[in-house]
């Protein structure tokens, strides 16, 4: 067996692969640059939606409940909020020394009444 060493390298398949990769990069470069695929969205008529202001519930360290600054108890809170639309947002401001169960009772009440827009206000830690 008389084998000859490689004297030349056939680069045509390498060039073909590189051209395919270059074509893929050039076609996807637009998506990478904008971060999204360009789509022309359909038009719709603009409707006025009724916006409900957020309600504030404050819980003091001794468990006292305030709704919009008015002193109430859990039963009155339930009666006040059950007639509100479910899109109403609530901001809960609870004292850090409040017992967790009292906080959970208020959140469970809102959950039971099917309110989903509930936020808890916190204070960022000082540096």
N, C-alpha and C. Protein backbone atom coordinates (compact mmCIF):
# COMPACT_ATOMS: atom_id res chain seq x y z
N UNK A 1 0.83 -1.16 0.00
CA UNK A 1 0.00 0.00 0.00
C UNK A 1 0.88 1.23 0.00
N UNK A 2 0.65 1.99 -0.98
CA UNK A 2 1.47 3.17 -1.10
C UNK A 2 0.57 4.39 -0.85
N UNK A 3 0.67 4.98 0.33
CA UNK A 3 -0.17 6.13 0.67
C UNK A 3 0.64 7.40 0.54
N UNK A 4 0.01 8.39 -0.06
CA UNK A 4 0.68 9.67 -0.20
C UNK A 4 0.21 10.60 0.92
N UNK A 5 1.09 11.39 1.46
CA UNK A 5 0.65 12.34 2.48
C UNK A 5 -0.18 13.46 1.82
N UNK A 6 -1.03 14.09 2.65
CA UNK A 6 -1.86 15.18 2.15
C UNK A 6 -0.97 16.35 1.75
N UNK A 7 -1.08 16.74 0.53
CA UNK A 7 -0.32 17.88 0.07
C UNK A 7 -1.16 19.14 0.03
N UNK A 8 -2.47 19.01 -0.12
CA UNK A 8 -3.38 20.16 -0.14
C UNK A 8 -4.62 19.81 0.70
N UNK A 9 -5.24 20.85 1.18
CA UNK A 9 -6.48 20.68 1.94
C UNK A 9 -7.61 21.25 1.10
N UNK A 10 -8.67 20.50 0.99
CA UNK A 10 -9.84 20.94 0.25
C UNK A 10 -10.66 21.87 1.15
N UNK A 11 -10.68 23.17 0.86
CA UNK A 11 -11.36 24.15 1.72
C UNK A 11 -12.76 24.48 1.23
N UNK A 12 -13.20 23.91 0.16
CA UNK A 12 -14.54 24.22 -0.37
C UNK A 12 -15.65 23.86 0.62
N UNK A 13 -15.64 22.69 1.27
CA UNK A 13 -16.70 22.43 2.27
C UNK A 13 -16.64 23.41 3.45
N UNK A 14 -15.43 23.81 3.84
CA UNK A 14 -15.28 24.77 4.93
C UNK A 14 -15.89 26.12 4.54
N UNK A 15 -15.66 26.57 3.31
CA UNK A 15 -16.21 27.83 2.82
C UNK A 15 -17.73 27.73 2.74
N UNK A 16 -18.27 26.62 2.32
CA UNK A 16 -19.72 26.43 2.27
C UNK A 16 -20.35 26.56 3.65
N UNK A 17 -19.74 25.93 4.65
CA UNK A 17 -20.26 26.02 6.02
C UNK A 17 -20.18 27.45 6.52
N UNK A 18 -19.09 28.14 6.25
CA UNK A 18 -18.93 29.52 6.69
C UNK A 18 -19.96 30.44 6.03
N UNK A 19 -20.27 30.23 4.76
CA UNK A 19 -21.28 31.04 4.10
C UNK A 19 -22.67 30.82 4.69
N UNK A 20 -22.98 29.59 5.03
CA UNK A 20 -24.27 29.30 5.67
C UNK A 20 -24.34 29.98 7.03
N UNK A 21 -23.28 29.90 7.81
CA UNK A 21 -23.25 30.56 9.12
C UNK A 21 -23.36 32.07 8.98
N UNK A 22 -22.68 32.65 7.98
CA UNK A 22 -22.77 34.09 7.75
C UNK A 22 -24.20 34.50 7.39
N UNK A 23 -24.86 33.72 6.56
CA UNK A 23 -26.24 34.02 6.19
C UNK A 23 -27.16 33.96 7.41
N UNK A 24 -26.95 32.99 8.30
CA UNK A 24 -27.77 32.89 9.52
C UNK A 24 -27.54 34.09 10.43
N UNK A 25 -26.30 34.51 10.59
CA UNK A 25 -25.99 35.65 11.45
C UNK A 25 -26.62 36.92 10.89
N UNK A 26 -26.51 37.12 9.59
CA UNK A 26 -27.07 38.34 9.00
C UNK A 26 -28.59 38.39 9.08
N UNK A 27 -29.27 37.26 8.98
CA UNK A 27 -30.73 37.28 9.06
C UNK A 27 -31.23 37.45 10.50
N UNK A 28 -30.46 36.99 11.47
CA UNK A 28 -30.90 37.13 12.86
C UNK A 28 -30.35 38.38 13.52
N UNK A 29 -29.45 39.11 12.86
CA UNK A 29 -28.86 40.30 13.46
C UNK A 29 -29.92 41.36 13.74
N UNK A 30 -30.93 41.48 12.91
CA UNK A 30 -31.99 42.46 13.12
C UNK A 30 -32.78 42.13 14.39
N UNK A 31 -33.05 40.85 14.65
CA UNK A 31 -33.78 40.47 15.86
C UNK A 31 -32.97 40.77 17.10
N UNK A 32 -31.68 40.53 17.03
CA UNK A 32 -30.82 40.77 18.19
C UNK A 32 -30.71 42.26 18.47
N UNK A 33 -30.61 43.07 17.41
CA UNK A 33 -30.45 44.50 17.58
C UNK A 33 -31.68 45.14 18.23
N UNK A 34 -32.87 44.79 17.76
CA UNK A 34 -34.08 45.41 18.31
C UNK A 34 -34.59 44.70 19.55
N UNK A 35 -34.24 43.45 19.72
CA UNK A 35 -34.70 42.71 20.88
C UNK A 35 -36.07 42.11 20.71
N UNK A 36 -36.69 42.33 19.56
CA UNK A 36 -38.01 41.74 19.33
C UNK A 36 -38.25 41.61 17.84
N UNK A 37 -39.21 40.81 17.52
CA UNK A 37 -39.56 40.58 16.12
C UNK A 37 -40.52 41.68 15.69
N UNK A 38 -40.26 42.33 14.56
CA UNK A 38 -41.16 43.42 14.14
C UNK A 38 -42.50 42.86 13.67
N UNK A 39 -43.56 43.35 14.28
CA UNK A 39 -44.92 42.91 13.96
C UNK A 39 -45.78 44.16 13.83
N UNK A 40 -46.60 44.21 12.83
CA UNK A 40 -47.56 45.29 12.67
C UNK A 40 -48.85 44.85 13.35
N UNK A 41 -49.16 45.45 14.49
CA UNK A 41 -50.32 45.05 15.28
C UNK A 41 -51.61 45.64 14.72
N UNK A 42 -52.73 44.93 14.85
CA UNK A 42 -54.01 45.47 14.38
C UNK A 42 -54.48 46.62 15.27
N UNK A 43 -55.32 47.45 14.72
CA UNK A 43 -55.85 48.60 15.44
C UNK A 43 -57.15 48.22 16.14
N UNK A 44 -57.38 48.83 17.28
CA UNK A 44 -58.63 48.63 18.01
C UNK A 44 -59.14 49.99 18.47
N UNK A 45 -60.43 50.07 18.69
CA UNK A 45 -60.98 51.31 19.19
C UNK A 45 -60.61 51.47 20.65
N UNK A 46 -60.39 52.69 21.03
CA UNK A 46 -59.98 52.98 22.40
C UNK A 46 -61.22 53.10 23.28
N UNK A 47 -61.21 52.37 24.38
CA UNK A 47 -62.32 52.42 25.31
C UNK A 47 -61.85 53.05 26.61
N UNK A 48 -62.71 53.81 27.17
CA UNK A 48 -62.40 54.40 28.47
C UNK A 48 -62.67 53.36 29.55
N UNK A 49 -61.65 53.02 30.30
CA UNK A 49 -61.84 52.08 31.39
C UNK A 49 -61.97 52.85 32.68
N UNK A 50 -62.83 52.36 33.50
CA UNK A 50 -63.04 53.00 34.78
C UNK A 50 -61.91 52.60 35.72
N UNK A 51 -61.16 53.59 36.16
CA UNK A 51 -60.02 53.32 37.03
C UNK A 51 -60.44 53.52 38.47
N UNK A 52 -60.15 52.50 39.27
CA UNK A 52 -60.51 52.57 40.67
C UNK A 52 -59.25 52.88 41.48
N UNK A 53 -59.32 53.90 42.30
CA UNK A 53 -58.11 54.24 43.07
C UNK A 53 -57.81 53.14 44.10
N UNK A 54 -56.54 53.00 44.40
CA UNK A 54 -56.13 52.01 45.40
C UNK A 54 -56.63 52.42 46.78
N UNK A 55 -56.97 51.43 47.57
CA UNK A 55 -57.39 51.65 48.95
C UNK A 55 -56.21 51.31 49.85
N UNK A 56 -56.06 52.05 50.93
CA UNK A 56 -54.97 51.81 51.86
C UNK A 56 -55.51 51.19 53.14
N UNK A 57 -54.90 50.06 53.52
CA UNK A 57 -55.23 49.41 54.79
C UNK A 57 -53.98 49.50 55.66
N UNK A 58 -54.14 50.08 56.86
CA UNK A 58 -53.02 50.23 57.77
C UNK A 58 -53.25 49.39 59.01
N UNK A 59 -52.21 48.67 59.42
CA UNK A 59 -52.28 47.81 60.60
C UNK A 59 -51.23 48.29 61.60
N UNK A 60 -51.68 48.68 62.78
CA UNK A 60 -50.73 49.17 63.78
C UNK A 60 -50.17 48.00 64.58
N UNK A 61 -49.20 48.29 65.43
CA UNK A 61 -48.52 47.23 66.18
C UNK A 61 -49.45 46.49 67.13
N UNK A 62 -50.52 47.12 67.58
CA UNK A 62 -51.45 46.45 68.49
C UNK A 62 -52.59 45.75 67.76
N UNK A 63 -52.56 45.75 66.40
CA UNK A 63 -53.57 45.04 65.63
C UNK A 63 -54.75 45.89 65.19
N UNK A 64 -54.71 47.18 65.45
CA UNK A 64 -55.78 48.07 65.04
C UNK A 64 -55.75 48.23 63.52
N UNK A 65 -56.94 48.21 62.92
CA UNK A 65 -57.05 48.29 61.46
C UNK A 65 -57.64 49.63 61.08
N UNK A 66 -57.00 50.26 60.08
CA UNK A 66 -57.49 51.51 59.52
C UNK A 66 -57.69 51.31 58.02
N UNK A 67 -58.86 51.71 57.53
CA UNK A 67 -59.14 51.69 56.09
C UNK A 67 -59.28 53.13 55.65
N UNK A 68 -58.35 53.58 54.80
CA UNK A 68 -58.34 54.97 54.33
C UNK A 68 -58.32 55.94 55.52
N UNK A 69 -57.59 55.60 56.57
CA UNK A 69 -57.44 56.47 57.73
C UNK A 69 -58.57 56.39 58.73
N UNK A 70 -59.57 55.53 58.48
CA UNK A 70 -60.73 55.42 59.36
C UNK A 70 -60.60 54.15 60.20
N UNK A 71 -60.71 54.25 61.51
CA UNK A 71 -60.58 53.13 62.43
C UNK A 71 -61.76 52.17 62.24
N UNK A 72 -61.44 50.87 61.99
CA UNK A 72 -62.47 49.85 61.80
C UNK A 72 -61.99 48.53 62.40
N UNK A 73 -62.89 47.54 62.43
CA UNK A 73 -62.48 46.19 62.83
C UNK A 73 -62.59 45.27 61.62
N UNK A 74 -62.25 43.98 61.77
CA UNK A 74 -62.23 43.05 60.64
C UNK A 74 -63.61 42.90 59.99
N UNK A 75 -64.65 42.83 60.79
CA UNK A 75 -66.00 42.66 60.24
C UNK A 75 -66.41 43.87 59.40
N UNK A 76 -66.13 45.06 59.91
CA UNK A 76 -66.46 46.28 59.16
C UNK A 76 -65.61 46.35 57.89
N UNK A 77 -64.33 45.93 57.98
CA UNK A 77 -63.46 45.90 56.80
C UNK A 77 -64.07 45.01 55.72
N UNK A 78 -64.53 43.84 56.11
CA UNK A 78 -65.14 42.93 55.15
C UNK A 78 -66.37 43.55 54.50
N UNK A 79 -67.22 44.19 55.31
CA UNK A 79 -68.44 44.81 54.78
C UNK A 79 -68.10 45.97 53.84
N UNK A 80 -67.03 46.72 54.16
CA UNK A 80 -66.66 47.87 53.34
C UNK A 80 -66.09 47.45 51.98
N UNK A 81 -65.28 46.39 51.95
CA UNK A 81 -64.58 46.06 50.71
C UNK A 81 -65.32 45.05 49.85
N UNK A 82 -66.31 44.34 50.37
CA UNK A 82 -66.95 43.31 49.56
C UNK A 82 -67.79 43.88 48.43
N UNK A 83 -68.19 45.15 48.51
CA UNK A 83 -68.96 45.77 47.44
C UNK A 83 -68.08 46.47 46.41
N UNK A 84 -66.77 46.47 46.63
CA UNK A 84 -65.86 47.10 45.67
C UNK A 84 -65.62 46.17 44.49
N UNK A 85 -65.33 46.73 43.32
CA UNK A 85 -65.04 45.86 42.16
C UNK A 85 -63.74 45.10 42.37
N UNK A 86 -63.61 43.91 41.77
CA UNK A 86 -62.42 43.08 42.00
C UNK A 86 -61.14 43.68 41.43
N UNK A 87 -61.22 44.71 40.58
CA UNK A 87 -60.03 45.35 40.04
C UNK A 87 -59.41 46.35 41.02
N UNK A 88 -60.08 46.59 42.13
CA UNK A 88 -59.59 47.55 43.10
C UNK A 88 -58.27 47.06 43.69
N UNK A 89 -57.32 47.97 43.78
CA UNK A 89 -56.02 47.63 44.36
C UNK A 89 -55.98 48.02 45.84
N UNK A 90 -55.21 47.28 46.59
CA UNK A 90 -55.05 47.55 48.02
C UNK A 90 -53.58 47.69 48.35
N UNK A 91 -53.26 48.69 49.17
CA UNK A 91 -51.91 48.86 49.68
C UNK A 91 -51.99 48.62 51.19
N UNK A 92 -51.27 47.60 51.64
CA UNK A 92 -51.27 47.27 53.07
C UNK A 92 -50.01 47.83 53.69
N UNK A 93 -50.19 48.65 54.71
CA UNK A 93 -49.08 49.20 55.48
C UNK A 93 -49.17 48.62 56.88
N UNK A 94 -48.28 47.69 57.19
CA UNK A 94 -48.33 47.00 58.47
C UNK A 94 -47.09 47.34 59.29
N UNK A 95 -47.29 47.56 60.58
CA UNK A 95 -46.17 47.82 61.49
C UNK A 95 -45.31 46.57 61.59
N UNK A 96 -43.99 46.75 61.69
CA UNK A 96 -43.08 45.60 61.70
C UNK A 96 -43.25 44.74 62.95
N UNK A 97 -43.78 45.29 64.03
CA UNK A 97 -43.95 44.49 65.24
C UNK A 97 -45.34 43.86 65.34
N UNK A 98 -46.14 43.98 64.29
CA UNK A 98 -47.46 43.37 64.25
C UNK A 98 -47.32 41.85 64.22
N UNK A 99 -48.20 41.15 64.93
CA UNK A 99 -48.19 39.68 64.88
C UNK A 99 -48.55 39.24 63.47
N UNK A 100 -47.81 38.27 63.00
CA UNK A 100 -47.98 37.80 61.63
C UNK A 100 -49.42 37.32 61.37
N UNK A 101 -50.02 36.67 62.34
CA UNK A 101 -51.37 36.13 62.15
C UNK A 101 -52.37 37.24 61.86
N UNK A 102 -52.22 38.39 62.49
CA UNK A 102 -53.15 39.49 62.24
C UNK A 102 -53.00 40.02 60.81
N UNK A 103 -51.78 40.04 60.32
CA UNK A 103 -51.54 40.44 58.94
C UNK A 103 -52.14 39.42 57.97
N UNK A 104 -51.91 38.14 58.26
CA UNK A 104 -52.43 37.06 57.40
C UNK A 104 -53.95 37.07 57.38
N UNK A 105 -54.58 37.40 58.49
CA UNK A 105 -56.05 37.47 58.53
C UNK A 105 -56.59 38.49 57.53
N UNK A 106 -55.93 39.64 57.46
CA UNK A 106 -56.38 40.69 56.53
C UNK A 106 -56.14 40.26 55.08
N UNK A 107 -54.97 39.67 54.81
CA UNK A 107 -54.67 39.22 53.45
C UNK A 107 -55.62 38.09 53.04
N UNK A 108 -55.91 37.17 53.95
CA UNK A 108 -56.84 36.07 53.65
C UNK A 108 -58.24 36.60 53.37
N UNK A 109 -58.65 37.64 54.08
CA UNK A 109 -59.95 38.26 53.83
C UNK A 109 -60.01 38.82 52.41
N UNK A 110 -58.96 39.52 51.99
CA UNK A 110 -58.93 40.07 50.64
C UNK A 110 -58.89 38.96 49.59
N UNK A 111 -58.17 37.89 49.88
CA UNK A 111 -58.09 36.77 48.95
C UNK A 111 -59.45 36.07 48.83
N UNK A 112 -60.12 35.90 49.95
CA UNK A 112 -61.43 35.25 49.95
C UNK A 112 -62.45 36.06 49.14
N UNK A 113 -62.30 37.39 49.16
CA UNK A 113 -63.21 38.25 48.40
C UNK A 113 -62.75 38.45 46.96
N UNK A 114 -61.73 37.68 46.53
CA UNK A 114 -61.25 37.63 45.15
C UNK A 114 -60.55 38.91 44.68
N UNK A 115 -59.88 39.61 45.58
CA UNK A 115 -59.06 40.75 45.19
C UNK A 115 -57.66 40.24 44.88
N UNK A 116 -57.13 40.64 43.74
CA UNK A 116 -55.81 40.15 43.34
C UNK A 116 -54.75 41.24 43.33
N UNK A 117 -55.12 42.48 43.33
CA UNK A 117 -54.15 43.57 43.31
C UNK A 117 -53.88 44.04 44.73
N UNK A 118 -53.01 43.33 45.42
CA UNK A 118 -52.68 43.63 46.81
C UNK A 118 -51.17 43.84 46.89
N UNK A 119 -50.76 44.97 47.45
CA UNK A 119 -49.34 45.27 47.62
C UNK A 119 -49.06 45.55 49.09
N UNK A 120 -47.83 45.27 49.50
CA UNK A 120 -47.41 45.53 50.88
C UNK A 120 -46.32 46.58 50.83
N UNK A 121 -46.51 47.66 51.55
CA UNK A 121 -45.51 48.72 51.56
C UNK A 121 -44.40 48.38 52.55
N UNK A 122 -43.18 48.54 52.09
CA UNK A 122 -42.02 48.30 52.95
C UNK A 122 -41.13 49.53 52.89
N UNK A 123 -40.15 49.53 53.77
CA UNK A 123 -39.19 50.62 53.80
C UNK A 123 -37.82 50.04 53.49
N UNK A 124 -37.09 50.69 52.60
CA UNK A 124 -35.78 50.14 52.24
C UNK A 124 -34.83 50.30 53.42
N UNK A 125 -33.94 49.31 53.56
CA UNK A 125 -32.99 49.31 54.66
C UNK A 125 -31.96 50.41 54.45
N UNK A 126 -31.61 51.10 55.52
CA UNK A 126 -30.61 52.16 55.46
C UNK A 126 -29.23 51.59 55.26
N UNK A 127 -28.38 52.38 54.63
CA UNK A 127 -27.01 51.89 54.37
C UNK A 127 -26.08 52.33 55.43
